[in-house]
Amino acid sequence: RPRMIAVDGSFSWQSYLEETASAFADDTTTM
């Protein structure tokens, strides 16, 4: 059976929040 073995070390993460789109903004199409 194959094994999944963790590689030494951990990730240092950064985050960025995606915008929640709203109606009638400049970059939208209205129909």
All heavy atoms as atom14 arrays in JSON, in Angstrom:
{
  "sequence": "RPRMIAVDGSFSWQSYLEETASAFADDTTTM",
  "atom14_mask": [
    [1, 1, 1, 1, 1, 1, 1, 1, 1, 1, 1, 0, 0, 0],
    [1, 1, 1, 1, 1, 1, 1, 0, 0, 0, 0, 0, 0, 0],
    [1, 1, 1, 1, 1, 1, 1, 1, 1, 1, 1, 0, 0, 0],
    [1, 1, 1, 1, 1, 1, 1, 1, 0, 0, 0, 0, 0, 0],
    [1, 1, 1, 1, 1, 1, 1, 1, 0, 0, 0, 0, 0, 0],
    [1, 1, 1, 1, 1, 0, 0, 0, 0, 0, 0, 0, 0, 0],
    [1, 1, 1, 1, 1, 1, 1, 0, 0, 0, 0, 0, 0, 0],
    [1, 1, 1, 1, 1, 1, 1, 1, 0, 0, 0, 0, 0, 0],
    [1, 1, 1, 1, 0, 0, 0, 0, 0, 0, 0, 0, 0, 0],
    [1, 1, 1, 1, 1, 1, 0, 0, 0, 0, 0, 0, 0, 0],
    [1, 1, 1, 1, 1, 1, 1, 1, 1, 1, 1, 0, 0, 0],
    [1, 1, 1, 1, 1, 1, 0, 0, 0, 0, 0, 0, 0, 0],
    [1, 1, 1, 1, 1, 1, 1, 1, 1, 1, 1, 1, 1, 1],
    [1, 1, 1, 1, 1, 1, 1, 1, 1, 0, 0, 0, 0, 0],
    [1, 1, 1, 1, 1, 1, 0, 0, 0, 0, 0, 0, 0, 0],
    [1, 1, 1, 1, 1, 1, 1, 1, 1, 1, 1, 1, 0, 0],
    [1, 1, 1, 1, 1, 1, 1, 1, 0, 0, 0, 0, 0, 0],
    [1, 1, 1, 1, 1, 1, 1, 1, 1, 0, 0, 0, 0, 0],
    [1, 1, 1, 1, 1, 1, 1, 1, 1, 0, 0, 0, 0, 0],
    [1, 1, 1, 1, 1, 1, 1, 0, 0, 0, 0, 0, 0, 0],
    [1, 1, 1, 1, 1, 0, 0, 0, 0, 0, 0, 0, 0, 0],
    [1, 1, 1, 1, 1, 1, 0, 0, 0, 0, 0, 0, 0, 0],
    [1, 1, 1, 1, 1, 0, 0, 0, 0, 0, 0, 0, 0, 0],
    [1, 1, 1, 1, 1, 1, 1, 1, 1, 1, 1, 0, 0, 0],
    [1, 1, 1, 1, 1, 0, 0, 0, 0, 0, 0, 0, 0, 0],
    [1, 1, 1, 1, 1, 1, 1, 1, 0, 0, 0, 0, 0, 0],
    [1, 1, 1, 1, 1, 1, 1, 1, 0, 0, 0, 0, 0, 0],
    [1, 1, 1, 1, 1, 1, 1, 0, 0, 0, 0, 0, 0, 0],
    [1, 1, 1, 1, 1, 1, 1, 0, 0, 0, 0, 0, 0, 0],
    [1, 1, 1, 1, 1, 1, 1, 0, 0, 0, 0, 0, 0, 0],
    [1, 1, 1, 1, 1, 1, 1, 1, 0, 0, 0, 0, 0, 0]
  ],
  "atom14_positions": [
    [[0.86, -1.19, 0.0], [0.0, 0.0, 0.0], [0.89, 1.23, 0.0], [1.81, 1.33, 0.81], [-0.9, 0.01, 1.23], [-1.87, -1.15, 1.29], [-2.73, -1.05, 2.52], [-3.63, 0.1, 2.45], [-4.96, -0.01, 2.53], [-5.5, -1.2, 2.64], [-5.71, 1.04, 2.47], [0.0, 0.0, 0.0], [0.0, 0.0, 0.0], [0.0, 0.0, 0.0]],
    [[0.64, 2.18, -0.88], [1.45, 3.41, -0.87], [1.17, 4.23, 0.39], [0.07, 4.18, 0.96], [0.98, 4.14, -2.13], [-0.38, 3.6, -2.39], [-0.38, 2.19, -1.93], [0.0, 0.0, 0.0], [0.0, 0.0, 0.0], [0.0, 0.0, 0.0], [0.0, 0.0, 0.0], [0.0, 0.0, 0.0], [0.0, 0.0, 0.0], [0.0, 0.0, 0.0]],
    [[2.17, 4.97, 0.81], [2.04, 5.84, 1.98], [2.26, 7.29, 1.56], [3.05, 7.57, 0.66], [3.07, 5.48, 3.05], [2.88, 4.09, 3.64], [3.94, 3.82, 4.71], [5.3, 3.91, 4.16], [6.4, 4.05, 4.89], [6.3, 4.15, 6.21], [7.58, 4.1, 4.33], [0.0, 0.0, 0.0], [0.0, 0.0, 0.0], [0.0, 0.0, 0.0]],
    [[1.55, 8.18, 2.21], [1.75, 9.61, 2.01], [2.51, 10.14, 3.22], [1.97, 10.18, 4.33], [0.41, 10.33, 1.85], [-0.32, 10.0, 0.56], [0.63, 10.45, -0.92], [-0.67, 10.63, -2.14], [0.0, 0.0, 0.0], [0.0, 0.0, 0.0], [0.0, 0.0, 0.0], [0.0, 0.0, 0.0], [0.0, 0.0, 0.0], [0.0, 0.0, 0.0]],
    [[3.77, 10.52, 3.01], [4.65, 10.93, 4.11], [4.89, 12.43, 4.02], [5.32, 12.95, 2.98], [5.99, 10.17, 4.02], [5.72, 8.66, 4.12], [6.93, 10.63, 5.12], [6.95, 7.82, 3.92], [0.0, 0.0, 0.0], [0.0, 0.0, 0.0], [0.0, 0.0, 0.0], [0.0, 0.0, 0.0], [0.0, 0.0, 0.0], [0.0, 0.0, 0.0]],
    [[4.59, 13.13, 5.1], [4.72, 14.59, 5.12], [6.18, 15.0, 4.93], [7.1, 14.41, 5.5], [4.18, 15.15, 6.42], [0.0, 0.0, 0.0], [0.0, 0.0, 0.0], [0.0, 0.0, 0.0], [0.0, 0.0, 0.0], [0.0, 0.0, 0.0], [0.0, 0.0, 0.0], [0.0, 0.0, 0.0], [0.0, 0.0, 0.0], [0.0, 0.0, 0.0]],
    [[6.39, 16.03, 4.13], [7.71, 16.62, 3.93], [8.0, 17.56, 5.09], [7.1, 18.29, 5.56], [7.74, 17.38, 2.59], [9.06, 18.11, 2.42], [7.51, 16.43, 1.42], [0.0, 0.0, 0.0], [0.0, 0.0, 0.0], [0.0, 0.0, 0.0], [0.0, 0.0, 0.0], [0.0, 0.0, 0.0], [0.0, 0.0, 0.0], [0.0, 0.0, 0.0]],
    [[9.22, 17.53, 5.57], [9.59, 18.41, 6.68], [9.36, 19.87, 6.32], [9.6, 20.3, 5.19], [11.05, 18.2, 7.06], [11.3, 16.85, 7.71], [10.33, 16.27, 8.22], [12.45, 16.39, 7.67], [0.0, 0.0, 0.0], [0.0, 0.0, 0.0], [0.0, 0.0, 0.0], [0.0, 0.0, 0.0], [0.0, 0.0, 0.0], [0.0, 0.0, 0.0]],
    [[8.92, 20.63, 7.31], [8.71, 22.06, 7.1], [7.24, 22.39, 6.96], [6.41, 21.53, 6.66], [0.0, 0.0, 0.0], [0.0, 0.0, 0.0], [0.0, 0.0, 0.0], [0.0, 0.0, 0.0], [0.0, 0.0, 0.0], [0.0, 0.0, 0.0], [0.0, 0.0, 0.0], [0.0, 0.0, 0.0], [0.0, 0.0, 0.0], [0.0, 0.0, 0.0]],
    [[6.89, 23.63, 7.2], [5.5, 24.07, 7.1], [5.45, 25.31, 6.21], [6.46, 25.98, 5.97], [4.92, 24.39, 8.48], [5.7, 25.39, 9.13], [0.0, 0.0, 0.0], [0.0, 0.0, 0.0], [0.0, 0.0, 0.0], [0.0, 0.0, 0.0], [0.0, 0.0, 0.0], [0.0, 0.0, 0.0], [0.0, 0.0, 0.0], [0.0, 0.0, 0.0]],
    [[4.25, 25.61, 5.76], [4.05, 26.77, 4.9], [3.8, 28.03, 5.73], [3.19, 27.98, 6.79], [2.85, 26.54, 3.98], [3.01, 25.4, 3.02], [2.13, 24.32, 3.04], [4.03, 25.39, 2.09], [2.25, 23.28, 2.14], [4.17, 24.35, 1.18], [3.29, 23.29, 1.21], [0.0, 0.0, 0.0], [0.0, 0.0, 0.0], [0.0, 0.0, 0.0]],
    [[4.26, 29.15, 5.22], [3.98, 30.45, 5.83], [2.99, 31.17, 4.91], [3.36, 31.64, 3.83], [5.27, 31.27, 5.98], [5.0, 32.53, 6.53], [0.0, 0.0, 0.0], [0.0, 0.0, 0.0], [0.0, 0.0, 0.0], [0.0, 0.0, 0.0], [0.0, 0.0, 0.0], [0.0, 0.0, 0.0], [0.0, 0.0, 0.0], [0.0, 0.0, 0.0]],
    [[1.74, 31.24, 5.36], [0.67, 31.69, 4.48], [0.4, 33.19, 4.58], [0.6, 33.81, 5.62], [-0.62, 30.94, 4.81], [-0.56, 29.48, 4.48], [-0.28, 28.44, 5.32], [-0.75, 28.91, 3.19], [-0.3, 27.25, 4.65], [-0.59, 27.51, 3.33], [-1.05, 29.42, 1.92], [-0.73, 26.63, 2.26], [-1.19, 28.55, 0.86], [-1.03, 27.18, 1.03]],
    [[-0.12, 33.71, 3.46], [-0.67, 35.06, 3.41], [-2.06, 34.97, 2.78], [-2.33, 34.05, 2.01], [0.22, 35.98, 2.56], [1.65, 36.1, 3.06], [2.5, 36.97, 2.15], [2.12, 38.1, 1.87], [3.62, 36.43, 1.69], [0.0, 0.0, 0.0], [0.0, 0.0, 0.0], [0.0, 0.0, 0.0], [0.0, 0.0, 0.0], [0.0, 0.0, 0.0]],
    [[-2.93, 35.91, 3.12], [-4.31, 35.85, 2.62], [-4.73, 37.17, 1.99], [-4.2, 38.24, 2.31], [-5.28, 35.47, 3.75], [-5.27, 36.46, 4.77], [0.0, 0.0, 0.0], [0.0, 0.0, 0.0], [0.0, 0.0, 0.0], [0.0, 0.0, 0.0], [0.0, 0.0, 0.0], [0.0, 0.0, 0.0], [0.0, 0.0, 0.0], [0.0, 0.0, 0.0]],
    [[-5.71, 37.06, 1.1], [-6.3, 38.22, 0.44], [-7.78, 37.92, 0.24], [-8.14, 36.85, -0.27], [-5.63, 38.48, -0.91], [-6.29, 39.54, -1.74], [-6.04, 40.9, -1.5], [-7.16, 39.2, -2.78], [-6.64, 41.88, -2.28], [-7.78, 40.18, -3.55], [-7.52, 41.52, -3.29], [-8.13, 42.49, -4.05], [0.0, 0.0, 0.0], [0.0, 0.0, 0.0]],
    [[-8.65, 38.82, 0.67], [-10.09, 38.6, 0.59], [-10.63, 39.01, -0.78], [-10.43, 40.14, -1.22], [-10.81, 39.38, 1.69], [-10.46, 39.0, 3.14], [-11.29, 39.83, 4.11], [-10.69, 37.51, 3.37], [0.0, 0.0, 0.0], [0.0, 0.0, 0.0], [0.0, 0.0, 0.0], [0.0, 0.0, 0.0], [0.0, 0.0, 0.0], [0.0, 0.0, 0.0]],
    [[-11.29, 38.06, -1.41], [-11.99, 38.33, -2.66], [-13.18, 39.24, -2.38], [-13.87, 39.09, -1.36], [-12.47, 37.02, -3.27], [-13.39, 37.15, -4.46], [-12.67, 37.62, -5.72], [-11.44, 37.4, -5.82], [-13.33, 38.19, -6.61], [0.0, 0.0, 0.0], [0.0, 0.0, 0.0], [0.0, 0.0, 0.0], [0.0, 0.0, 0.0], [0.0, 0.0, 0.0]],
    [[-13.45, 40.17, -3.27], [-14.58, 41.06, -3.09], [-15.89, 40.36, -3.44], [-15.96, 39.59, -4.4], [-14.43, 42.3, -3.99], [-13.29, 43.22, -3.58], [-13.22, 44.45, -4.47], [-14.11, 44.6, -5.34], [-12.3, 45.25, -4.29], [0.0, 0.0, 0.0], [0.0, 0.0, 0.0], [0.0, 0.0, 0.0], [0.0, 0.0, 0.0], [0.0, 0.0, 0.0]],
    [[-16.91, 40.63, -2.64], [-18.25, 40.19, -2.98], [-18.84, 41.18, -3.96], [-19.01, 42.36, -3.64], [-19.14, 40.1, -1.73], [-18.53, 39.24, -0.78], [-20.52, 39.59, -2.09], [0.0, 0.0, 0.0], [0.0, 0.0, 0.0], [0.0, 0.0, 0.0], [0.0, 0.0, 0.0], [0.0, 0.0, 0.0], [0.0, 0.0, 0.0], [0.0, 0.0, 0.0]],
    [[-19.12, 40.71, -5.17], [-19.62, 41.62, -6.2], [-21.02, 42.1, -5.83], [-21.79, 41.41, -5.18], [-19.66, 40.91, -7.55], [0.0, 0.0, 0.0], [0.0, 0.0, 0.0], [0.0, 0.0, 0.0], [0.0, 0.0, 0.0], [0.0, 0.0, 0.0], [0.0, 0.0, 0.0], [0.0, 0.0, 0.0], [0.0, 0.0, 0.0], [0.0, 0.0, 0.0]],
    [[-21.35, 43.32, -6.25], [-22.67, 43.88, -5.98], [-23.25, 44.47, -7.25], [-22.53, 44.75, -8.22], [-22.59, 44.96, -4.89], [-21.71, 45.99, -5.28], [0.0, 0.0, 0.0], [0.0, 0.0, 0.0], [0.0, 0.0, 0.0], [0.0, 0.0, 0.0], [0.0, 0.0, 0.0], [0.0, 0.0, 0.0], [0.0, 0.0, 0.0], [0.0, 0.0, 0.0]],
    [[-24.55, 44.64, -7.23], [-25.26, 45.05, -8.44], [-24.88, 46.44, -8.9], [-24.54, 47.32, -8.1], [-26.77, 44.98, -8.18], [0.0, 0.0, 0.0], [0.0, 0.0, 0.0], [0.0, 0.0, 0.0], [0.0, 0.0, 0.0], [0.0, 0.0, 0.0], [0.0, 0.0, 0.0], [0.0, 0.0, 0.0], [0.0, 0.0, 0.0], [0.0, 0.0, 0.0]],
    [[-24.92, 46.58, -10.23], [-24.78, 47.87, -10.89], [-23.42, 48.52, -10.67], [-23.28, 49.74, -10.7], [-25.9, 48.83, -10.46], [-27.26, 48.18, -10.49], [-28.03, 48.08, -9.34], [-27.75, 47.63, -11.66], [-29.27, 47.46, -9.37], [-28.98, 47.02, -11.68], [-29.75, 46.93, -10.55], [0.0, 0.0, 0.0], [0.0, 0.0, 0.0], [0.0, 0.0, 0.0]],
    [[-22.39, 47.68, -10.41], [-21.03, 48.2, -10.35], [-20.54, 48.49, -11.77], [-21.16, 48.09, -12.76], [-20.12, 47.2, -9.65], [0.0, 0.0, 0.0], [0.0, 0.0, 0.0], [0.0, 0.0, 0.0], [0.0, 0.0, 0.0], [0.0, 0.0, 0.0], [0.0, 0.0, 0.0], [0.0, 0.0, 0.0], [0.0, 0.0, 0.0], [0.0, 0.0, 0.0]],
    [[-19.39, 49.14, -11.87], [-18.91, 49.58, -13.18], [-18.57, 48.42, -14.11], [-18.69, 48.53, -15.33], [-17.67, 50.47, -13.02], [-18.01, 51.8, -12.35], [-19.19, 52.19, -12.41], [-17.09, 52.42, -11.78], [0.0, 0.0, 0.0], [0.0, 0.0, 0.0], [0.0, 0.0, 0.0], [0.0, 0.0, 0.0], [0.0, 0.0, 0.0], [0.0, 0.0, 0.0]],
    [[-18.1, 47.3, -13.55], [-17.61, 46.21, -14.39], [-18.64, 45.09, -14.54], [-18.29, 43.93, -14.72], [-16.31, 45.64, -13.83], [-16.46, 45.17, -12.39], [-17.5, 45.48, -11.77], [-15.54, 44.5, -11.89], [0.0, 0.0, 0.0], [0.0, 0.0, 0.0], [0.0, 0.0, 0.0], [0.0, 0.0, 0.0], [0.0, 0.0, 0.0], [0.0, 0.0, 0.0]],
    [[-19.92, 45.44, -14.45], [-20.97, 44.43, -14.6], [-21.83, 44.74, -15.82], [-21.82, 45.86, -16.34], [-21.87, 44.37, -13.35], [-22.52, 45.64, -13.18], [-21.06, 44.04, -12.12], [0.0, 0.0, 0.0], [0.0, 0.0, 0.0], [0.0, 0.0, 0.0], [0.0, 0.0, 0.0], [0.0, 0.0, 0.0], [0.0, 0.0, 0.0], [0.0, 0.0, 0.0]],
    [[-22.58, 43.72, -16.25], [-23.55, 43.87, -17.33], [-24.93, 43.66, -16.76], [-25.16, 42.7, -16.01], [-23.29, 42.83, -18.44], [-21.98, 43.03, -18.96], [-24.3, 42.97, -19.56], [0.0, 0.0, 0.0], [0.0, 0.0, 0.0], [0.0, 0.0, 0.0], [0.0, 0.0, 0.0], [0.0, 0.0, 0.0], [0.0, 0.0, 0.0], [0.0, 0.0, 0.0]],
    [[-25.85, 44.55, -17.07], [-27.2, 44.48, -16.5], [-28.2, 44.12, -17.58], [-28.2, 44.7, -18.68], [-27.58, 45.83, -15.86], [-26.63, 46.15, -14.84], [-28.98, 45.75, -15.24], [0.0, 0.0, 0.0], [0.0, 0.0, 0.0], [0.0, 0.0, 0.0], [0.0, 0.0, 0.0], [0.0, 0.0, 0.0], [0.0, 0.0, 0.0], [0.0, 0.0, 0.0]],
    [[-29.05, 43.13, -17.26], [-30.1, 42.68, -18.17], [-31.34, 42.35, -17.36], [-31.27, 42.14, -16.15], [-29.63, 41.45, -18.95], [-28.44, 41.71, -19.87], [-27.88, 40.23, -20.75], [-27.02, 39.36, -19.44], [0.0, 0.0, 0.0], [0.0, 0.0, 0.0], [0.0, 0.0, 0.0], [0.0, 0.0, 0.0], [0.0, 0.0, 0.0], [0.0, 0.0, 0.0]]
  ]
}
